[in-house]
Amino acid sequence: MSTPHTRLRVVAALSASSLGATTVRAQPGDGYYGGHMWGGGWIAGPLMMAVVVAVTVAVVVLLIRWLGGPAQNPPPPAAAERTPLDILKERFARDEIDKQEFEERRRVLED
């Protein structure tokens, strides 16, 4: 019976062996570092390395987000309903209406 730790060790060993167990062999060329396209790999090598690193980081980030589950932030509280009288008081406080108009409208709202 395999435990989670055993399975994790197997996955880690397989990943390490597939990523790190490469052999370097000399390849025939025309005298300047193998004659590969783009100047013997001087451009393609670092470019591919950057792509591999970016893809690896993206996969790790997505995996962590997926394993983390949904966000635990509570929903924002519902805004309290503003009454017409509250709005009228705000308009008066902002000097959009004068005291006489405020009193007239307040009387109308209270009736």
C-alpha atoms as a PDB file:
ATOM      1  CA  MET A   1       0.000   0.000   0.000  1.00  0.00           C
ATOM      2  CA  SER A   2       1.481   3.338  -0.983  1.00  0.00           C
ATOM      3  CA  THR A   3       1.314   6.330   1.263  1.00  0.00           C
ATOM      4  CA  PRO A   4       1.113   9.929   0.098  1.00  0.00           C
ATOM      5  CA  HIS A   5       4.779  10.407   1.075  1.00  0.00           C
ATOM      6  CA  THR A   6       5.850   7.400  -0.999  1.00  0.00           C
ATOM      7  CA  ARG A   7       3.939   8.680  -4.008  1.00  0.00           C
ATOM      8  CA  LEU A   8       5.496  12.104  -3.555  1.00  0.00           C
ATOM      9  CA  ARG A   9       8.990  10.611  -3.493  1.00  0.00           C
ATOM     10  CA  VAL A  10       8.302   8.643  -6.673  1.00  0.00           C
ATOM     11  CA  VAL A  11       7.001  11.744  -8.465  1.00  0.00           C
ATOM     12  CA  ALA A  12      10.003  13.780  -7.296  1.00  0.00           C
ATOM     13  CA  ALA A  13      12.447  11.084  -8.425  1.00  0.00           C
ATOM     14  CA  LEU A  14      10.816  10.786 -11.839  1.00  0.00           C
ATOM     15  CA  SER A  15      10.774  14.555 -12.287  1.00  0.00           C
ATOM     16  CA  ALA A  16      14.421  14.871 -11.309  1.00  0.00           C
ATOM     17  CA  SER A  17      15.496  12.054 -13.574  1.00  0.00           C
ATOM     18  CA  SER A  18      13.574  13.372 -16.568  1.00  0.00           C
ATOM     19  CA  LEU A  19      14.821  16.943 -16.099  1.00  0.00           C
ATOM     20  CA  GLY A  20      18.406  16.317 -15.090  1.00  0.00           C
ATOM     21  CA  ALA A  21      19.483  13.101 -16.773  1.00  0.00           C
ATOM     22  CA  THR A  22      20.578  14.399 -20.127  1.00  0.00           C
ATOM     23  CA  THR A  23      23.780  13.469 -21.814  1.00  0.00           C
ATOM     24  CA  VAL A  24      26.018  15.784 -23.746  1.00  0.00           C
ATOM     25  CA  ARG A  25      27.360  14.413 -26.986  1.00  0.00           C
ATOM     26  CA  ALA A  26      29.593  16.044 -29.503  1.00  0.00           C
ATOM     27  CA  GLN A  27      27.875  16.637 -32.802  1.00  0.00           C
ATOM     28  CA  PRO A  28      29.608  16.967 -36.121  1.00  0.00           C
ATOM     29  CA  GLY A  29      29.670  20.480 -37.466  1.00  0.00           C
ATOM     30  CA  ASP A  30      31.509  22.719 -39.803  1.00  0.00           C
ATOM     31  CA  GLY A  31      34.124  23.944 -37.358  1.00  0.00           C
ATOM     32  CA  TYR A  32      32.310  26.437 -35.153  1.00  0.00           C
ATOM     33  CA  TYR A  33      30.472  24.859 -32.232  1.00  0.00           C
ATOM     34  CA  GLY A  34      28.287  22.483 -34.174  1.00  0.00           C
ATOM     35  CA  GLY A  35      26.935  24.820 -36.829  1.00  0.00           C
ATOM     36  CA  HIS A  36      23.481  25.168 -35.299  1.00  0.00           C
ATOM     37  CA  MET A  37      21.010  27.717 -36.513  1.00  0.00           C
ATOM     38  CA  TRP A  38      21.193  31.207 -34.947  1.00  0.00           C
ATOM     39  CA  GLY A  39      24.913  31.309 -34.279  1.00  0.00           C
ATOM     40  CA  GLY A  40      25.529  27.955 -32.674  1.00  0.00           C
ATOM     41  CA  GLY A  41      22.805  28.246 -30.035  1.00  0.00           C
ATOM     42  CA  TRP A  42      24.033  31.493 -28.555  1.00  0.00           C
ATOM     43  CA  ILE A  43      20.577  33.031 -29.046  1.00  0.00           C
ATOM     44  CA  ALA A  44      18.295  29.998 -29.120  1.00  0.00           C
ATOM     45  CA  GLY A  45      19.717  28.467 -25.934  1.00  0.00           C
ATOM     46  CA  PRO A  46      19.045  31.371 -23.579  1.00  0.00           C
ATOM     47  CA  LEU A  47      15.734  32.075 -25.308  1.00  0.00           C
ATOM     48  CA  MET A  48      14.537  28.505 -24.802  1.00  0.00           C
ATOM     49  CA  MET A  49      15.793  28.554 -21.214  1.00  0.00           C
ATOM     50  CA  ALA A  50      13.723  31.686 -20.522  1.00  0.00           C
ATOM     51  CA  VAL A  51      10.650  30.061 -22.100  1.00  0.00           C
ATOM     52  CA  VAL A  52      11.100  26.908 -20.007  1.00  0.00           C
ATOM     53  CA  VAL A  53      11.526  28.926 -16.797  1.00  0.00           C
ATOM     54  CA  ALA A  54       8.463  31.090 -17.575  1.00  0.00           C
ATOM     55  CA  VAL A  55       6.276  28.063 -18.330  1.00  0.00           C
ATOM     56  CA  THR A  56       7.484  26.291 -15.182  1.00  0.00           C
ATOM     57  CA  VAL A  57       6.731  29.326 -13.004  1.00  0.00           C
ATOM     58  CA  ALA A  58       3.279  29.721 -14.599  1.00  0.00           C
ATOM     59  CA  VAL A  59       2.452  26.051 -14.004  1.00  0.00           C
ATOM     60  CA  VAL A  60       3.576  26.228 -10.369  1.00  0.00           C
ATOM     61  CA  VAL A  61       1.549  29.402  -9.713  1.00  0.00           C
ATOM     62  CA  LEU A  62      -1.571  27.946 -11.322  1.00  0.00           C
ATOM     63  CA  LEU A  63      -1.142  24.694  -9.411  1.00  0.00           C
ATOM     64  CA  ILE A  64      -0.814  26.532  -6.094  1.00  0.00           C
ATOM     65  CA  ARG A  65      -3.916  28.607  -6.839  1.00  0.00           C
ATOM     66  CA  TRP A  66      -5.848  25.497  -7.854  1.00  0.00           C
ATOM     67  CA  LEU A  67      -4.813  23.591  -4.720  1.00  0.00           C
ATOM     68  CA  GLY A  68      -5.599  26.615  -2.538  1.00  0.00           C
ATOM     69  CA  GLY A  69      -9.272  26.475  -3.428  1.00  0.00           C
ATOM     70  CA  PRO A  70     -11.593  29.454  -3.695  1.00  0.00           C
ATOM     71  CA  ALA A  71     -10.643  32.753  -2.133  1.00  0.00           C
ATOM     72  CA  GLN A  72     -11.585  33.032   1.518  1.00  0.00           C
ATOM     73  CA  ASN A  73     -12.409  36.739   1.396  1.00  0.00           C
ATOM     74  CA  PRO A  74     -15.872  37.433   2.787  1.00  0.00           C
ATOM     75  CA  PRO A  75     -18.262  39.280   0.506  1.00  0.00           C
ATOM     76  CA  PRO A  76     -18.529  43.008   1.195  1.00  0.00           C
ATOM     77  CA  PRO A  77     -21.448  43.997   3.401  1.00  0.00           C
ATOM     78  CA  ALA A  78     -24.493  45.238   1.568  1.00  0.00           C
ATOM     79  CA  ALA A  79     -24.749  48.998   1.560  1.00  0.00           C
ATOM     80  CA  ALA A  80     -27.472  50.275   3.838  1.00  0.00           C
ATOM     81  CA  GLU A  81     -30.421  51.652   1.951  1.00  0.00           C
ATOM     82  CA  ARG A  82     -30.340  55.419   1.860  1.00  0.00           C
ATOM     83  CA  THR A  83     -33.648  57.080   2.433  1.00  0.00           C
ATOM     84  CA  PRO A  84     -34.761  60.163   0.512  1.00  0.00           C
ATOM     85  CA  LEU A  85     -34.318  62.162   3.723  1.00  0.00           C
ATOM     86  CA  ASP A  86     -30.674  60.989   3.942  1.00  0.00           C
ATOM     87  CA  ILE A  87     -30.077  62.141   0.382  1.00  0.00           C
ATOM     88  CA  LEU A  88     -31.718  65.481   1.145  1.00  0.00           C
ATOM     89  CA  LYS A  89     -29.482  65.935   4.200  1.00  0.00           C
ATOM     90  CA  GLU A  90     -26.397  65.140   2.097  1.00  0.00           C
ATOM     91  CA  ARG A  91     -27.401  67.695  -0.535  1.00  0.00           C
ATOM     92  CA  PHE A  92     -27.898  70.293   2.186  1.00  0.00           C
ATOM     93  CA  ALA A  93     -24.508  69.450   3.708  1.00  0.00           C
ATOM     94  CA  ARG A  94     -22.834  69.889   0.302  1.00  0.00           C
ATOM     95  CA  ASP A  95     -24.530  73.293  -0.136  1.00  0.00           C
ATOM     96  CA  GLU A  96     -26.447  72.128  -3.184  1.00  0.00           C
ATOM     97  CA  ILE A  97     -29.663  73.482  -1.634  1.00  0.00           C
ATOM     98  CA  ASP A  98     -30.271  76.248   0.869  1.00  0.00           C
ATOM     99  CA  LYS A  99     -31.988  75.962   4.258  1.00  0.00           C
ATOM    100  CA  GLN A 100     -35.379  77.143   2.993  1.00  0.00           C
ATOM    101  CA  GLU A 101     -35.452  74.537   0.186  1.00  0.00           C
ATOM    102  CA  PHE A 102     -34.247  71.871   2.617  1.00  0.00           C
ATOM    103  CA  GLU A 103     -37.065  72.631   5.062  1.00  0.00           C
ATOM    104  CA  GLU A 104     -39.698  72.633   2.284  1.00  0.00           C
ATOM    105  CA  ARG A 105     -38.586  69.312   0.874  1.00  0.00           C
ATOM    106  CA  ARG A 106     -38.216  67.758   4.325  1.00  0.00           C
ATOM    107  CA  ARG A 107     -41.843  68.688   5.114  1.00  0.00           C
ATOM    108  CA  VAL A 108     -42.987  67.137   1.859  1.00  0.00           C
ATOM    109  CA  LEU A 109     -41.095  63.923   2.577  1.00  0.00           C
ATOM    110  CA  GLU A 110     -42.386  63.639   6.138  1.00  0.00           C
ATOM    111  CA  ASP A 111     -46.049  64.006   5.083  1.00  0.00           C
END
